Amino acid sequence: MSFLLKDPQAVLDYMIDWGADYLAVGELVAASGWSVAPDEAGGVTVAGSDFDSASSTVKAAGGIAGHVYSLINRITTSAGRIDERSILVRVESR
C-alpha cells in the first residue's frame, strides 16, 4: 500500500479518474462528494471539491503530522450506480 505525502500547512488537490476503467460507454459522473476518515480535531479537512463527467477532485487542507487519512470519494453515475474510492494521505512536516 502506498501513501501520498502532505505537509500539515499545504492545501493540495487530489483526483480520482473514474473514466474508462469504471464508467460504461455513455455513463457519466452525475454527483460527487468527499469525506475524510478519521474525522478528528486538527485533522485533514475538505477545503473544496469539483467533478466533471469522468473525474472528481478534492482540495485537502491541514492534518496532524504522523497521522494517515483516507480521502473518500462517493459518486453517483448517470446510470444510478453508487460507488466509493479512497486516497490514502500521510501527513508529514516537510
Protein backbone atom coordinates (compact mmCIF):
# COMPACT_ATOMS: atom_id res chain seq x y z
CA MET A 1 0.00 0.00 0.00
CA SER A 2 1.37 3.42 -0.88
CA PHE A 3 0.62 6.79 0.66
CA LEU A 4 0.68 10.24 -0.83
CA LEU A 5 2.52 12.72 1.37
CA LYS A 6 1.11 16.05 2.54
CA ASP A 7 2.58 18.75 4.77
CA PRO A 8 0.20 19.99 7.51
CA GLN A 9 0.42 23.55 6.11
CA ALA A 10 -0.19 22.54 2.48
CA VAL A 11 -3.51 22.76 0.68
CA LEU A 12 -3.34 20.21 -2.14
CA ASP A 13 -5.59 18.81 -4.87
CA TYR A 14 -6.08 15.05 -5.28
CA MET A 15 -8.04 13.46 -8.14
CA ILE A 16 -9.78 10.16 -8.84
CA ASP A 17 -10.26 9.28 -12.51
CA TRP A 18 -13.44 7.20 -12.83
CA GLY A 19 -13.11 7.10 -16.66
CA ALA A 20 -12.61 4.04 -18.84
CA ASP A 21 -11.78 1.60 -16.01
CA TYR A 22 -15.14 2.11 -14.29
CA LEU A 23 -17.72 4.03 -16.30
CA ALA A 24 -19.66 2.24 -19.05
CA VAL A 25 -19.86 3.75 -22.53
CA GLY A 26 -22.03 6.86 -22.31
CA GLU A 27 -22.15 6.80 -18.49
CA LEU A 28 -21.09 9.95 -16.62
CA VAL A 29 -20.34 11.04 -13.06
CA ALA A 30 -23.59 12.78 -12.06
CA ALA A 31 -22.79 13.62 -8.41
CA SER A 32 -19.69 13.51 -6.23
CA GLY A 33 -18.99 14.07 -2.55
CA TRP A 34 -15.86 13.83 -0.41
CA SER A 35 -15.26 12.94 3.24
CA VAL A 36 -12.20 12.31 5.43
CA ALA A 37 -11.55 9.47 7.87
CA PRO A 38 -10.71 9.72 10.64
CA ASP A 39 -12.64 12.91 11.35
CA GLU A 40 -10.56 14.44 14.16
CA ALA A 41 -9.80 17.87 15.58
CA GLY A 42 -6.86 19.36 13.67
CA GLY A 43 -7.07 16.62 11.04
CA VAL A 44 -7.28 16.85 7.26
CA THR A 45 -10.34 18.72 6.03
CA VAL A 46 -12.06 19.12 2.67
CA ALA A 47 -11.35 22.71 1.63
CA GLY A 48 -13.19 22.35 -1.69
CA SER A 49 -14.11 19.87 -4.41
CA ASP A 50 -15.13 19.65 -8.04
CA PHE A 51 -16.06 16.99 -10.59
CA ASP A 52 -16.63 16.54 -14.27
CA SER A 53 -18.09 13.74 -16.38
CA ALA A 54 -15.28 11.28 -15.60
CA SER A 55 -13.26 12.50 -12.59
CA SER A 56 -13.54 14.02 -9.14
CA THR A 57 -11.09 16.34 -7.37
CA VAL A 58 -10.74 17.29 -3.70
CA LYS A 59 -8.76 20.13 -2.14
CA ALA A 60 -7.34 18.83 1.17
CA ALA A 61 -6.06 21.09 3.96
CA GLY A 62 -4.50 20.63 7.39
CA GLY A 63 -3.70 17.39 9.14
CA ILE A 64 -1.62 16.19 12.06
CA ALA A 65 1.97 15.13 11.32
CA GLY A 66 2.38 11.38 11.65
CA HIS A 67 -1.30 10.62 11.00
CA VAL A 68 -2.77 8.81 7.99
CA TYR A 69 -6.07 9.87 6.46
CA SER A 70 -8.43 8.43 3.86
CA LEU A 71 -9.91 10.92 1.41
CA ILE A 72 -13.12 9.14 0.41
CA ASN A 73 -14.95 9.96 -2.82
CA ARG A 74 -18.55 8.76 -3.20
CA ILE A 75 -20.12 9.18 -6.63
CA THR A 76 -23.44 8.55 -8.30
CA THR A 77 -23.38 7.92 -12.03
CA SER A 78 -25.89 8.84 -14.71
CA ALA A 79 -26.91 5.15 -14.68
CA GLY A 80 -27.76 5.37 -10.95
CA ARG A 81 -24.75 3.38 -9.75
CA ILE A 82 -23.15 4.46 -6.44
CA ASP A 83 -19.53 3.69 -5.55
CA GLU A 84 -16.64 4.88 -3.40
CA ARG A 85 -12.88 5.05 -3.80
CA SER A 86 -10.26 6.30 -1.34
CA ILE A 87 -6.90 8.03 -1.46
CA LEU A 88 -4.52 7.47 1.47
CA VAL A 89 -2.57 10.51 2.61
CA ARG A 90 0.16 10.52 5.26
CA VAL A 91 0.82 13.91 6.82
CA GLU A 92 4.49 14.78 7.42
CA SER A 93 6.15 18.08 8.21
CA ARG A 94 8.42 18.74 5.24
